[in-house]
Amino acid sequence: MDTKLFARIGAGAFAAIALTMSLLQLREERPEPLPEVITVWEPDGDPLPAQLRACGAMGELALSSPDCRAAWAEKRRRFLGVDNDGGIPASEPAVDALAAPIPSSEPQPAKGQ
């Protein structure tokens, strides 16, 4: 037998299988699409979650923002349940930046000399 005959038989079989699979696929019932779910956000009057999301989106710039620092302090106060009656106000940092020692990049003399 000739190899061209085998190639023609193989191509015909492939075409028949492809046609059969296509017809079977078209006969299947398609599932009904799920109803679209619409989520409506209703703010509860508390701006803190929105402020925290905005600070999170700012990245490292949020570290120098006084609004973000105040929002984080308020979140800590709420989470820990600490009343800030007689301590340091939540909006002020615990350590004054000017009172903290500033490391020097100059070489220090060796001790004992």
C-alpha atoms as a PDB file:
ATOM      1  CA  MET A   1       0.000   0.000   0.000  1.00  0.00           C
ATOM      2  CA  ASP A   2       1.014   3.502  -0.630  1.00  0.00           C
ATOM      3  CA  THR A   3       1.914   5.950   2.218  1.00  0.00           C
ATOM      4  CA  LYS A   4      -0.278   8.614   0.600  1.00  0.00           C
ATOM      5  CA  LEU A   5      -3.285   6.372   1.182  1.00  0.00           C
ATOM      6  CA  PHE A   6      -2.469   6.073   4.898  1.00  0.00           C
ATOM      7  CA  ALA A   7      -2.057   9.837   5.137  1.00  0.00           C
ATOM      8  CA  ARG A   8      -5.429  10.401   3.480  1.00  0.00           C
ATOM      9  CA  ILE A   9      -7.148   7.879   5.773  1.00  0.00           C
ATOM     10  CA  GLY A  10      -5.529   9.519   8.834  1.00  0.00           C
ATOM     11  CA  ALA A  11      -6.570  13.013   7.720  1.00  0.00           C
ATOM     12  CA  GLY A  12     -10.133  11.830   7.083  1.00  0.00           C
ATOM     13  CA  ALA A  13     -10.302  10.161  10.508  1.00  0.00           C
ATOM     14  CA  PHE A  14      -8.948  13.308  12.181  1.00  0.00           C
ATOM     15  CA  ALA A  15     -11.535  15.470  10.391  1.00  0.00           C
ATOM     16  CA  ALA A  16     -14.335  13.077  11.382  1.00  0.00           C
ATOM     17  CA  ILE A  17     -13.268  13.092  15.041  1.00  0.00           C
ATOM     18  CA  ALA A  18     -12.974  16.891  15.078  1.00  0.00           C
ATOM     19  CA  LEU A  19     -16.422  17.275  13.512  1.00  0.00           C
ATOM     20  CA  THR A  20     -17.960  14.819  15.984  1.00  0.00           C
ATOM     21  CA  MET A  21     -16.405  16.578  18.979  1.00  0.00           C
ATOM     22  CA  SER A  22     -17.620  19.956  17.718  1.00  0.00           C
ATOM     23  CA  LEU A  23     -21.183  18.670  17.326  1.00  0.00           C
ATOM     24  CA  LEU A  24     -21.138  17.144  20.820  1.00  0.00           C
ATOM     25  CA  GLN A  25     -19.889  20.410  22.274  1.00  0.00           C
ATOM     26  CA  LEU A  26     -22.706  22.350  20.600  1.00  0.00           C
ATOM     27  CA  ARG A  27     -25.352  19.952  21.923  1.00  0.00           C
ATOM     28  CA  GLU A  28     -24.408  20.484  25.588  1.00  0.00           C
ATOM     29  CA  GLU A  29     -26.625  22.861  27.514  1.00  0.00           C
ATOM     30  CA  ARG A  30     -24.804  25.917  28.692  1.00  0.00           C
ATOM     31  CA  PRO A  31     -25.089  26.708  32.399  1.00  0.00           C
ATOM     32  CA  GLU A  32     -27.024  29.841  33.214  1.00  0.00           C
ATOM     33  CA  PRO A  33     -24.713  32.680  34.171  1.00  0.00           C
ATOM     34  CA  LEU A  34     -24.709  33.638  37.815  1.00  0.00           C
ATOM     35  CA  PRO A  35     -26.591  36.822  38.627  1.00  0.00           C
ATOM     36  CA  GLU A  36     -24.346  39.834  38.916  1.00  0.00           C
ATOM     37  CA  VAL A  37     -23.639  40.764  42.513  1.00  0.00           C
ATOM     38  CA  ILE A  38     -23.483  44.473  43.209  1.00  0.00           C
ATOM     39  CA  THR A  39     -21.867  45.524  46.451  1.00  0.00           C
ATOM     40  CA  VAL A  40     -22.920  48.891  47.785  1.00  0.00           C
ATOM     41  CA  TRP A  41     -20.639  50.513  50.303  1.00  0.00           C
ATOM     42  CA  GLU A  42     -22.419  52.620  52.854  1.00  0.00           C
ATOM     43  CA  PRO A  43     -20.070  54.590  55.073  1.00  0.00           C
ATOM     44  CA  ASP A  44     -20.795  54.319  58.763  1.00  0.00           C
ATOM     45  CA  GLY A  45     -19.518  57.799  59.522  1.00  0.00           C
ATOM     46  CA  ASP A  46     -16.080  56.665  60.702  1.00  0.00           C
ATOM     47  CA  PRO A  47     -13.342  58.126  58.474  1.00  0.00           C
ATOM     48  CA  LEU A  48     -10.523  56.133  60.141  1.00  0.00           C
ATOM     49  CA  PRO A  49     -10.641  53.039  57.856  1.00  0.00           C
ATOM     50  CA  ALA A  50     -10.516  55.229  54.751  1.00  0.00           C
ATOM     51  CA  GLN A  51      -7.617  57.216  56.203  1.00  0.00           C
ATOM     52  CA  LEU A  52      -5.715  54.004  57.018  1.00  0.00           C
ATOM     53  CA  ARG A  53      -6.243  52.702  53.464  1.00  0.00           C
ATOM     54  CA  ALA A  54      -4.977  56.003  52.053  1.00  0.00           C
ATOM     55  CA  CYS A  55      -1.905  55.858  54.303  1.00  0.00           C
ATOM     56  CA  GLY A  56      -1.240  52.282  53.241  1.00  0.00           C
ATOM     57  CA  ALA A  57      -1.363  53.342  49.598  1.00  0.00           C
ATOM     58  CA  MET A  58       1.128  56.157  50.245  1.00  0.00           C
ATOM     59  CA  GLY A  59       3.957  53.772  51.109  1.00  0.00           C
ATOM     60  CA  GLU A  60       6.997  55.304  52.798  1.00  0.00           C
ATOM     61  CA  LEU A  61       5.641  58.831  52.434  1.00  0.00           C
ATOM     62  CA  ALA A  62       3.095  57.950  55.122  1.00  0.00           C
ATOM     63  CA  LEU A  63       5.883  57.792  57.710  1.00  0.00           C
ATOM     64  CA  SER A  64       6.381  61.545  57.505  1.00  0.00           C
ATOM     65  CA  SER A  65       2.692  62.457  57.279  1.00  0.00           C
ATOM     66  CA  PRO A  66       1.226  63.795  60.547  1.00  0.00           C
ATOM     67  CA  ASP A  67      -2.261  62.722  59.440  1.00  0.00           C
ATOM     68  CA  CYS A  68      -1.106  59.119  59.015  1.00  0.00           C
ATOM     69  CA  ARG A  69       0.687  59.151  62.348  1.00  0.00           C
ATOM     70  CA  ALA A  70      -2.471  60.395  64.036  1.00  0.00           C
ATOM     71  CA  ALA A  71      -4.575  57.753  62.272  1.00  0.00           C
ATOM     72  CA  TRP A  72      -2.208  54.976  63.367  1.00  0.00           C
ATOM     73  CA  ALA A  73      -2.205  56.269  66.939  1.00  0.00           C
ATOM     74  CA  GLU A  74      -5.999  56.295  66.963  1.00  0.00           C
ATOM     75  CA  LYS A  75      -6.073  52.741  65.557  1.00  0.00           C
ATOM     76  CA  ARG A  76      -3.674  51.561  68.270  1.00  0.00           C
ATOM     77  CA  ARG A  77      -5.742  53.316  70.924  1.00  0.00           C
ATOM     78  CA  ARG A  78      -8.929  51.639  69.711  1.00  0.00           C
ATOM     79  CA  PHE A  79      -7.324  48.226  69.279  1.00  0.00           C
ATOM     80  CA  LEU A  80      -5.604  48.163  72.656  1.00  0.00           C
ATOM     81  CA  GLY A  81      -8.512  49.844  74.443  1.00  0.00           C
ATOM     82  CA  VAL A  82      -6.220  52.334  76.140  1.00  0.00           C
ATOM     83  CA  ASP A  83      -7.754  55.544  77.397  1.00  0.00           C
ATOM     84  CA  ASN A  84      -5.343  58.408  77.001  1.00  0.00           C
ATOM     85  CA  ASP A  85      -6.383  60.406  80.056  1.00  0.00           C
ATOM     86  CA  GLY A  86      -3.170  61.176  81.911  1.00  0.00           C
ATOM     87  CA  GLY A  87      -0.397  60.306  79.525  1.00  0.00           C
ATOM     88  CA  ILE A  88       1.156  61.675  76.426  1.00  0.00           C
ATOM     89  CA  PRO A  89      -1.391  62.862  73.874  1.00  0.00           C
ATOM     90  CA  ALA A  90      -1.853  60.408  71.003  1.00  0.00           C
ATOM     91  CA  SER A  91      -0.992  63.007  68.389  1.00  0.00           C
ATOM     92  CA  GLU A  92       2.463  63.777  69.844  1.00  0.00           C
ATOM     93  CA  PRO A  93       5.383  61.373  69.441  1.00  0.00           C
ATOM     94  CA  ALA A  94       6.677  59.781  72.650  1.00  0.00           C
ATOM     95  CA  VAL A  95      10.282  60.921  72.063  1.00  0.00           C
ATOM     96  CA  ASP A  96      11.126  64.416  70.948  1.00  0.00           C
ATOM     97  CA  ALA A  97      13.313  64.250  67.838  1.00  0.00           C
ATOM     98  CA  LEU A  98      15.529  67.102  69.078  1.00  0.00           C
ATOM     99  CA  ALA A  99      16.139  65.480  72.466  1.00  0.00           C
ATOM    100  CA  ALA A 100      17.355  62.209  70.962  1.00  0.00           C
ATOM    101  CA  PRO A 101      21.118  61.923  70.457  1.00  0.00           C
ATOM    102  CA  ILE A 102      22.230  62.280  66.857  1.00  0.00           C
ATOM    103  CA  PRO A 103      24.863  59.757  65.778  1.00  0.00           C
ATOM    104  CA  SER A 104      27.983  61.348  64.350  1.00  0.00           C
ATOM    105  CA  SER A 105      29.739  60.146  61.226  1.00  0.00           C
ATOM    106  CA  GLU A 106      33.091  61.524  62.438  1.00  0.00           C
ATOM    107  CA  PRO A 107      35.586  59.030  63.861  1.00  0.00           C
ATOM    108  CA  GLN A 108      35.672  58.999  67.627  1.00  0.00           C
ATOM    109  CA  PRO A 109      39.002  59.035  69.520  1.00  0.00           C
ATOM    110  CA  ALA A 110      39.993  55.719  71.005  1.00  0.00           C
ATOM    111  CA  LYS A 111      39.346  55.325  74.711  1.00  0.00           C
ATOM    112  CA  GLY A 112      42.360  55.669  76.929  1.00  0.00           C
ATOM    113  CA  GLN A 113      44.218  58.111  74.697  1.00  0.00           C
END
